[in-house]
Amino acid sequence: MVAMLDVAPVAAPAPVPSPVLVAFAAPTGQRRLTVAARLFLALPHLIVLCFLGVAAVVVAVIGWFAALYLGRLPRFAADFLSGYLRWQARVYAYLFLLTDVYPPFSPQDSAYPVRLTTQPGPLNRWSVAFRLVLAVPALAVAATVTYGIATVVLVVTWLIVLVNGRLPDSLHQTLAAFIRYEVRLNGYLAMVTSEYPWGLLGDPETNSSADAESTSIAGVTHWQPAPPSPVHDPYWQVVLTSRAKNLIVFVLILGVASVVAVNVITTMSRYNQLHTDEAAGARVQSAYQSLGGAVIGYESRTRSCENTIQPLHCLTNAAETVSRAFAVFDRRLTATSVPSSATSARARLTADSAQAERDFGQLSASNSAGHYQLAIESTKLPQLLSRFDQDYERLGTQLDDFG
């Protein structure tokens, strides 16, 4: 009888997170006509991606709740989000001139010059719960690179390919690394992978060659892809030359400079706008105070007109003075620049001012006491002046709120 050996059980190795893998075919010649109209040609895909993006957000939210409970992404969510990422990577590559082959309207894997594969696995529930917070550094890096590329790099790239008919290797590698990083970030946010986004500066160089063959038929490159392989397979690696790495560093610096410049310009614009709005408020207040003095003077003069030899003449002169004061106020208000949020309030106040100018002008034109009394009753000046004060307060509030 053979004695049983007391051997401790060997724990199964923990699953290793797998990143979103993206492979790019080498740069080839491109038709200048399609390069010139690339944005227009990619428009149908961009429209489809907009609708798919909305659906992807809904699926990702459902997957987030499911992953909190199950510790992994449900199969339907993983398949849909992986297909969305694959479609997104193809469209980005086509739009950024990495290939001249038109992308298929399909999320399925195919022999396209850009391939993407995912291996969704177990997810840490704490990582899922705080996924957005954890992704903030990667989002900041992606936004910085996007700023740098969107400034001049894309325009220069478009001009180079339009003239030469081919994307230089260094630019091809730079844009490929950027697209892969963006897709990996989106995959991390969508919980397709638990691997944190990396690889913006490429992968370490290996001695083995990638398992991919290219043949040219009628000027169109047909890429024969290898099956999905581990991350260490050179097929899925993006190895950058020193020139491409330097270009990415330059793009990062350019992106940081662009972000700083945008913030400085925005801050200065808001500062100038604040002072402009304060000056506008001061001008409106000064005009209102001058007008208020004329209105108060009118009220005191009308009370004293009863003791004059020609009371009607006194009343019409007082009304004419106020009419001119409203005309001056209207001109000053119209000449004052106000923010767009306060233009409607200013329009109401200028309309009130114009009406008051006409009504007081009608009083000043009275040729008899009866005519004067009839004009007072028809113009309804007390209601008009009350509405004028309310509209002035509304304009002042909007100017303060904007500032």
Protein backbone atom coordinates (compact mmCIF):
# COMPACT_ATOMS: atom_id res chain seq x y z
CA MET A 1 0.00 0.00 0.00
CA VAL A 2 1.51 3.30 -1.08
CA ALA A 3 1.49 5.99 1.53
CA MET A 4 -0.30 9.15 0.60
CA LEU A 5 1.96 12.22 0.49
CA ASP A 6 0.65 15.25 2.33
CA VAL A 7 1.13 17.84 -0.41
CA ALA A 8 -0.29 21.33 0.05
CA PRO A 9 -2.60 22.35 -2.77
CA VAL A 10 -1.11 24.79 -5.24
CA ALA A 11 -3.14 27.97 -5.60
CA ALA A 12 -4.24 28.81 -9.11
CA PRO A 13 -2.41 31.82 -10.53
CA ALA A 14 -4.35 35.03 -10.43
CA PRO A 15 -5.64 36.09 -13.82
CA VAL A 16 -3.37 38.62 -15.50
CA PRO A 17 -5.21 41.69 -16.84
CA SER A 18 -5.06 41.95 -20.60
CA PRO A 19 -5.06 45.38 -22.26
CA VAL A 20 -6.98 46.29 -25.35
CA LEU A 21 -4.69 45.08 -28.15
CA VAL A 22 -4.49 47.04 -31.39
CA ALA A 23 -2.42 46.17 -34.45
CA PHE A 24 -1.66 48.51 -37.35
CA ALA A 25 -0.45 47.61 -40.82
CA ALA A 26 2.60 49.42 -42.15
CA PRO A 27 2.03 52.71 -44.01
CA THR A 28 1.35 52.43 -47.73
CA GLY A 29 0.60 54.75 -50.61
CA GLN A 30 -2.71 56.64 -50.49
CA ARG A 31 -4.86 58.18 -53.19
CA ARG A 32 -4.62 61.95 -53.00
CA LEU A 33 -8.28 62.38 -53.95
CA THR A 34 -9.45 60.36 -50.94
CA VAL A 35 -6.95 62.19 -48.75
CA ALA A 36 -8.34 65.57 -49.82
CA ALA A 37 -11.92 64.43 -49.08
CA ARG A 38 -11.09 62.27 -46.05
CA LEU A 39 -13.27 64.12 -43.55
CA PHE A 40 -16.25 64.07 -45.94
CA LEU A 41 -15.72 60.36 -46.67
CA ALA A 42 -15.52 59.53 -42.96
CA LEU A 43 -18.69 61.50 -42.16
CA PRO A 44 -21.10 58.50 -42.47
CA HIS A 45 -18.97 56.54 -40.00
CA LEU A 46 -18.79 59.51 -37.63
CA ILE A 47 -22.58 59.78 -37.66
CA VAL A 48 -22.95 56.07 -36.97
CA LEU A 49 -20.39 56.31 -34.15
CA CYS A 50 -22.40 59.11 -32.56
CA PHE A 51 -25.45 56.84 -32.27
CA LEU A 52 -23.31 53.86 -31.27
CA GLY A 53 -21.63 56.05 -28.66
CA VAL A 54 -24.98 56.78 -27.02
CA ALA A 55 -25.79 53.08 -27.01
CA ALA A 56 -22.30 52.31 -25.67
CA VAL A 57 -22.85 54.68 -22.73
CA VAL A 58 -26.14 52.95 -21.89
CA VAL A 59 -24.54 49.49 -22.14
CA ALA A 60 -21.54 50.66 -20.08
CA VAL A 61 -23.83 51.96 -17.31
CA ILE A 62 -25.72 48.64 -17.26
CA GLY A 63 -22.38 46.81 -17.30
CA TRP A 64 -21.12 48.97 -14.42
CA PHE A 65 -23.95 47.87 -12.13
CA ALA A 66 -23.57 44.27 -13.27
CA ALA A 67 -19.79 44.35 -12.71
CA LEU A 68 -20.30 45.66 -9.18
CA TYR A 69 -22.42 42.59 -8.46
CA LEU A 70 -20.74 39.92 -10.63
CA GLY A 71 -17.14 41.11 -10.56
CA ARG A 72 -16.95 41.00 -14.34
CA LEU A 73 -18.64 42.53 -17.38
CA PRO A 74 -21.61 40.56 -18.76
CA ARG A 75 -20.93 38.80 -22.04
CA PHE A 76 -23.40 40.88 -24.06
CA ALA A 77 -21.88 44.13 -22.77
CA ALA A 78 -18.31 42.95 -23.39
CA ASP A 79 -19.13 41.91 -26.96
CA PHE A 80 -20.99 45.13 -27.79
CA LEU A 81 -18.38 47.44 -26.25
CA SER A 82 -15.50 45.54 -27.86
CA GLY A 83 -17.19 45.87 -31.24
CA TYR A 84 -17.74 49.58 -30.64
CA LEU A 85 -14.04 50.05 -29.77
CA ARG A 86 -13.02 48.13 -32.90
CA TRP A 87 -15.23 50.34 -35.09
CA GLN A 88 -13.91 53.44 -33.35
CA ALA A 89 -10.27 52.42 -33.88
CA ARG A 90 -10.85 51.79 -37.60
CA VAL A 91 -12.56 55.14 -38.14
CA TYR A 92 -9.87 57.01 -36.19
CA ALA A 93 -7.16 55.33 -38.23
CA TYR A 94 -8.91 56.16 -41.49
CA LEU A 95 -9.59 59.73 -40.42
CA PHE A 96 -5.99 60.26 -39.25
CA LEU A 97 -4.67 58.92 -42.58
CA LEU A 98 -3.07 55.74 -41.23
CA THR A 99 -4.75 53.81 -44.04
CA ASP A 100 -6.53 54.49 -47.29
CA VAL A 101 -8.79 51.43 -47.01
CA TYR A 102 -12.38 52.45 -46.26
CA PRO A 103 -13.59 51.00 -42.94
CA PRO A 104 -16.36 48.37 -43.00
CA PHE A 105 -19.70 49.19 -41.42
CA SER A 106 -19.36 46.35 -38.97
CA PRO A 107 -18.06 45.79 -35.44
CA GLN A 108 -16.80 42.32 -36.35
CA ASP A 109 -13.12 41.48 -36.74
CA SER A 110 -11.94 41.31 -40.35
CA ALA A 111 -8.84 41.62 -42.54
CA TYR A 112 -8.64 45.40 -42.16
CA PRO A 113 -5.32 47.29 -41.77
CA VAL A 114 -6.32 48.02 -38.17
CA ARG A 115 -7.23 45.16 -35.86
CA LEU A 116 -8.45 45.22 -32.28
CA THR A 117 -9.03 42.44 -29.81
CA THR A 118 -10.05 42.35 -26.18
CA GLN A 119 -9.99 39.71 -23.47
CA PRO A 120 -12.51 40.83 -20.82
CA GLY A 121 -11.89 39.12 -17.49
CA PRO A 122 -12.48 39.48 -13.77
CA LEU A 123 -12.79 43.03 -12.44
CA ASN A 124 -11.99 44.40 -9.02
CA ARG A 125 -15.22 45.77 -7.61
CA TRP A 126 -13.49 48.69 -5.89
CA SER A 127 -11.81 49.58 -9.18
CA VAL A 128 -15.19 49.42 -10.91
CA ALA A 129 -16.82 51.62 -8.27
CA PHE A 130 -14.19 54.35 -8.64
CA ARG A 131 -13.43 53.84 -12.33
CA LEU A 132 -14.00 57.48 -13.34
CA VAL A 133 -11.84 58.78 -10.50
CA LEU A 134 -9.03 56.36 -11.31
CA ALA A 135 -9.16 57.32 -14.98
CA VAL A 136 -8.61 61.04 -14.33
CA PRO A 137 -4.79 60.95 -14.87
CA ALA A 138 -5.20 59.00 -18.12
CA LEU A 139 -7.95 61.38 -19.23
CA ALA A 140 -5.64 64.33 -18.56
CA VAL A 141 -2.87 62.74 -20.66
CA ALA A 142 -5.30 61.95 -23.50
CA ALA A 143 -6.71 65.49 -23.43
CA THR A 144 -3.20 66.97 -23.52
CA VAL A 145 -2.19 64.85 -26.52
CA THR A 146 -5.49 65.66 -28.24
CA TYR A 147 -4.83 69.38 -27.80
CA GLY A 148 -1.33 68.96 -29.22
CA ILE A 149 -2.46 66.93 -32.23
CA ALA A 150 -5.49 69.09 -32.96
CA THR A 151 -3.46 72.31 -33.14
CA VAL A 152 -1.09 71.81 -36.06
CA VAL A 153 -0.11 68.14 -36.27
CA LEU A 154 -3.25 66.99 -38.10
CA VAL A 155 -3.07 69.86 -40.58
CA VAL A 156 0.62 69.22 -41.26
CA THR A 157 -0.06 65.48 -41.59
CA TRP A 158 -2.86 66.10 -44.06
CA LEU A 159 -0.67 68.38 -46.17
CA ILE A 160 2.24 65.90 -46.16
CA VAL A 161 0.07 62.99 -47.29
CA LEU A 162 -1.71 65.17 -49.82
CA VAL A 163 1.63 66.12 -51.40
CA ASN A 164 3.60 62.89 -50.99
CA GLY A 165 0.74 60.40 -51.20
CA ARG A 166 2.09 58.53 -48.16
CA LEU A 167 2.31 58.99 -44.40
CA PRO A 168 5.89 59.10 -43.08
CA ASP A 169 6.83 56.23 -40.76
CA SER A 170 7.42 58.48 -37.73
CA LEU A 171 4.04 60.19 -38.09
CA HIS A 172 2.36 56.83 -38.69
CA GLN A 173 3.85 55.44 -35.48
CA THR A 174 2.96 58.56 -33.51
CA LEU A 175 -0.68 58.58 -34.60
CA ALA A 176 -0.94 54.80 -34.14
CA ALA A 177 0.32 55.09 -30.55
CA PHE A 178 -2.13 57.91 -29.88
CA ILE A 179 -5.12 56.00 -31.32
CA ARG A 180 -4.19 52.91 -29.35
CA TYR A 181 -3.94 54.93 -26.15
CA GLU A 182 -7.34 56.54 -26.78
CA VAL A 183 -8.95 53.17 -27.45
CA ARG A 184 -7.31 51.62 -24.38
CA LEU A 185 -8.59 54.51 -22.27
CA ASN A 186 -12.11 54.05 -23.64
CA GLY A 187 -11.82 50.31 -23.03
CA TYR A 188 -10.77 50.94 -19.44
CA LEU A 189 -13.68 53.35 -18.90
CA ALA A 190 -16.07 50.80 -20.45
CA MET A 191 -14.62 48.08 -18.16
CA VAL A 192 -13.69 45.89 -21.11
CA THR A 193 -10.34 45.54 -19.38
CA SER A 194 -8.96 46.14 -15.91
CA GLU A 195 -5.56 47.07 -17.36
CA TYR A 196 -4.80 50.75 -16.88
CA PRO A 197 -4.14 52.61 -20.19
CA TRP A 198 -0.49 52.62 -21.20
CA GLY A 199 1.73 52.49 -24.28
CA LEU A 200 1.62 56.12 -25.42
CA LEU A 201 5.37 55.95 -26.03
CA GLY A 202 5.12 52.54 -27.67
CA ASP A 203 6.21 49.06 -26.63
CA PRO A 204 9.71 47.68 -26.01
CA GLU A 205 11.40 46.54 -29.19
CA THR A 206 11.57 42.78 -29.83
CA ASN A 207 13.76 40.78 -32.18
CA SER A 208 10.99 38.65 -33.67
CA SER A 209 8.87 39.95 -36.49
CA ALA A 210 5.15 40.38 -36.52
CA ASP A 211 3.05 37.59 -37.94
CA ALA A 212 1.40 39.61 -40.68
CA GLU A 213 1.74 39.62 -44.43
CA SER A 214 0.84 42.33 -46.90
CA THR A 215 0.12 41.86 -50.57
CA SER A 216 -0.78 44.60 -53.01
CA ILE A 217 -3.57 44.01 -55.48
CA ALA A 218 -4.60 46.85 -57.81
CA GLY A 219 -2.95 49.35 -55.49
CA VAL A 220 -5.02 48.29 -52.46
CA THR A 221 -3.27 46.68 -49.50
CA HIS A 222 -4.91 43.49 -48.21
CA TRP A 223 -3.69 42.59 -44.76
CA GLN A 224 -3.76 38.96 -43.71
CA PRO A 225 -4.04 39.17 -39.92
CA ALA A 226 -2.92 36.61 -37.39
CA PRO A 227 -5.34 35.27 -34.78
CA PRO A 228 -5.57 37.02 -31.43
CA SER A 229 -2.35 36.56 -29.48
CA PRO A 230 -0.99 37.51 -26.06
CA VAL A 231 0.24 41.02 -25.42
CA HIS A 232 3.86 39.92 -25.81
CA ASP A 233 3.30 38.82 -29.40
CA PRO A 234 5.07 41.37 -31.67
CA TYR A 235 2.03 41.27 -33.93
CA TRP A 236 0.15 43.36 -31.37
CA GLN A 237 3.01 45.68 -30.47
CA VAL A 238 3.55 49.27 -31.57
CA VAL A 239 7.29 49.87 -31.50
CA LEU A 240 8.31 53.49 -31.95
CA THR A 241 11.52 54.85 -33.36
CA SER A 242 13.38 57.53 -31.43
CA ARG A 243 12.04 60.12 -33.90
CA ALA A 244 8.45 59.02 -33.26
CA LYS A 245 9.00 59.13 -29.48
CA ASN A 246 10.44 62.62 -29.78
CA LEU A 247 7.44 63.61 -31.84
CA ILE A 248 5.06 62.36 -29.14
CA VAL A 249 7.02 64.30 -26.52
CA PHE A 250 6.73 67.37 -28.75
CA VAL A 251 2.98 66.78 -29.07
CA LEU A 252 2.69 66.54 -25.28
CA ILE A 253 4.59 69.81 -24.84
CA LEU A 254 2.48 71.42 -27.55
CA GLY A 255 -0.66 70.14 -25.84
CA VAL A 256 0.39 71.54 -22.47
CA ALA A 257 1.21 74.87 -24.12
CA SER A 258 -2.18 74.85 -25.86
CA VAL A 259 -4.02 74.13 -22.60
CA VAL A 260 -2.12 76.90 -20.82
CA ALA A 261 -2.74 79.32 -23.70
CA VAL A 262 -6.47 78.51 -23.77
CA ASN A 263 -6.74 79.00 -20.00
CA VAL A 264 -4.80 82.28 -20.12
CA ILE A 265 -6.91 83.61 -22.99
CA THR A 266 -10.12 82.52 -21.26
CA THR A 267 -9.06 84.11 -17.99
CA MET A 268 -8.07 87.35 -19.68
CA SER A 269 -11.29 87.38 -21.66
CA ARG A 270 -13.36 86.90 -18.52
CA TYR A 271 -11.31 89.57 -16.73
CA ASN A 272 -11.84 92.03 -19.57
CA GLN A 273 -15.50 91.11 -19.81
CA LEU A 274 -15.90 91.61 -16.06
CA HIS A 275 -14.46 95.11 -16.27
CA THR A 276 -16.52 95.82 -19.37
CA ASP A 277 -19.70 94.73 -17.59
CA GLU A 278 -18.79 96.78 -14.52
CA ALA A 279 -18.25 99.81 -16.76
CA ALA A 280 -21.57 99.12 -18.51
CA GLY A 281 -23.36 98.93 -15.18
CA ALA A 282 -21.73 102.18 -14.07
CA ARG A 283 -22.78 103.94 -17.29
CA VAL A 284 -26.35 102.69 -17.02
CA GLN A 285 -26.50 103.75 -13.38
CA SER A 286 -25.10 107.21 -14.18
CA ALA A 287 -27.67 107.70 -16.96
CA TYR A 288 -30.47 106.58 -14.65
CA GLN A 289 -29.37 108.96 -11.91
CA SER A 290 -29.33 111.89 -14.33
CA LEU A 291 -32.78 110.92 -15.55
CA GLY A 292 -33.99 110.53 -11.96
CA GLY A 293 -32.91 114.06 -11.20
CA ALA A 294 -34.96 115.35 -14.15
CA VAL A 295 -38.04 113.36 -13.08
CA ILE A 296 -37.79 114.60 -9.47
CA GLY A 297 -37.38 118.14 -10.79
CA TYR A 298 -40.49 117.68 -12.91
CA GLU A 299 -42.55 116.63 -9.90
CA SER A 300 -41.42 119.64 -7.83
CA ARG A 301 -41.98 122.04 -10.73
CA THR A 302 -45.50 120.79 -11.42
CA ARG A 303 -46.45 121.42 -7.78
CA SER A 304 -45.13 124.98 -7.96
CA CYS A 305 -46.73 125.73 -11.35
CA GLU A 306 -50.09 126.42 -9.68
CA ASN A 307 -48.65 129.60 -8.14
CA THR A 308 -47.32 130.97 -11.44
CA ILE A 309 -48.99 133.48 -13.75
CA GLN A 310 -49.08 130.98 -16.66
CA PRO A 311 -49.42 127.51 -15.07
CA LEU A 312 -49.98 125.73 -18.41
CA HIS A 313 -46.80 127.19 -19.86
CA CYS A 314 -44.95 126.12 -16.72
CA LEU A 315 -46.33 122.56 -16.96
CA THR A 316 -45.53 122.13 -20.66
CA ASN A 317 -41.97 123.40 -20.16
CA ALA A 318 -41.45 120.93 -17.32
CA ALA A 319 -42.81 118.10 -19.48
CA GLU A 320 -40.54 119.08 -22.37
CA THR A 321 -37.51 119.00 -20.04
CA VAL A 322 -38.33 115.44 -18.93
CA SER A 323 -38.99 114.37 -22.54
CA ARG A 324 -35.50 115.54 -23.52
CA ALA A 325 -34.04 113.78 -20.44
CA PHE A 326 -35.61 110.48 -21.55
CA ALA A 327 -34.22 111.02 -25.06
CA VAL A 328 -30.72 111.50 -23.63
CA PHE A 329 -31.12 108.42 -21.43
CA ASP A 330 -32.23 106.36 -24.43
CA ARG A 331 -29.17 107.43 -26.45
CA ARG A 332 -26.78 106.68 -23.60
CA LEU A 333 -28.36 103.29 -22.96
CA THR A 334 -28.29 102.35 -26.64
CA ALA A 335 -24.60 103.32 -26.89
CA THR A 336 -23.69 101.17 -23.87
CA SER A 337 -22.33 97.70 -24.71
CA VAL A 338 -23.95 95.00 -22.58
CA PRO A 339 -23.46 91.19 -22.58
CA SER A 340 -25.76 89.10 -24.72
CA SER A 341 -27.57 87.84 -21.63
CA ALA A 342 -28.71 91.41 -20.86
CA THR A 343 -29.71 92.58 -24.36
CA SER A 344 -33.39 91.67 -23.93
CA ALA A 345 -33.59 93.58 -20.64
CA ARG A 346 -31.94 96.59 -22.25
CA ALA A 347 -34.38 96.39 -25.15
CA ARG A 348 -37.34 96.52 -22.76
CA LEU A 349 -35.84 99.48 -20.92
CA THR A 350 -35.13 101.42 -24.12
CA ALA A 351 -38.71 100.74 -25.26
CA ASP A 352 -39.98 102.16 -21.97
CA SER A 353 -37.69 105.17 -22.36
CA ALA A 354 -38.87 105.85 -25.91
CA GLN A 355 -42.50 105.61 -24.81
CA ALA A 356 -41.89 108.01 -21.93
CA GLU A 357 -40.19 110.46 -24.29
CA ARG A 358 -43.26 110.41 -26.56
CA ASP A 359 -45.75 110.72 -23.69
CA PHE A 360 -43.98 113.65 -22.05
CA GLY A 361 -43.60 115.19 -25.50
CA GLN A 362 -47.38 114.92 -25.88
CA LEU A 363 -47.83 116.74 -22.56
CA SER A 364 -45.44 119.49 -23.63
CA ALA A 365 -47.50 120.04 -26.80
CA SER A 366 -50.75 120.74 -24.89
CA ASN A 367 -52.34 124.09 -25.79
CA SER A 368 -54.99 124.11 -23.08
CA ALA A 369 -55.56 122.88 -19.56
CA GLY A 370 -58.18 120.42 -20.82
CA HIS A 371 -55.83 119.09 -23.46
CA TYR A 372 -53.11 118.70 -20.82
CA GLN A 373 -55.43 116.78 -18.48
CA LEU A 374 -56.59 114.54 -21.33
CA ALA A 375 -52.98 113.77 -22.24
CA ILE A 376 -52.21 112.76 -18.64
CA GLU A 377 -55.15 110.37 -18.58
CA SER A 378 -54.39 108.83 -21.98
CA THR A 379 -50.65 108.30 -21.43
CA LYS A 380 -50.95 106.55 -18.04
CA LEU A 381 -47.57 107.91 -16.98
CA PRO A 382 -47.60 106.50 -13.42
CA GLN A 383 -47.89 102.92 -14.73
CA LEU A 384 -45.24 103.58 -17.39
CA LEU A 385 -42.76 105.03 -14.88
CA SER A 386 -43.36 102.09 -12.52
CA ARG A 387 -42.67 99.62 -15.33
CA PHE A 388 -39.59 101.64 -16.30
CA ASP A 389 -38.17 101.30 -12.76
CA GLN A 390 -38.84 97.54 -12.73
CA ASP A 391 -37.11 97.05 -16.07
CA TYR A 392 -34.16 99.12 -14.86
CA GLU A 393 -33.82 96.91 -11.77
CA ARG A 394 -33.99 93.80 -13.98
CA LEU A 395 -31.21 95.11 -16.24
CA GLY A 396 -29.06 96.01 -13.25
CA THR A 397 -29.52 92.52 -11.76
CA GLN A 398 -28.51 90.82 -15.01
CA LEU A 399 -25.40 92.97 -15.34
CA ASP A 400 -24.38 92.09 -11.78
CA ASP A 401 -25.08 88.39 -12.29
CA PHE A 402 -23.04 88.29 -15.48
CA GLY A 403 -20.12 89.99 -13.84
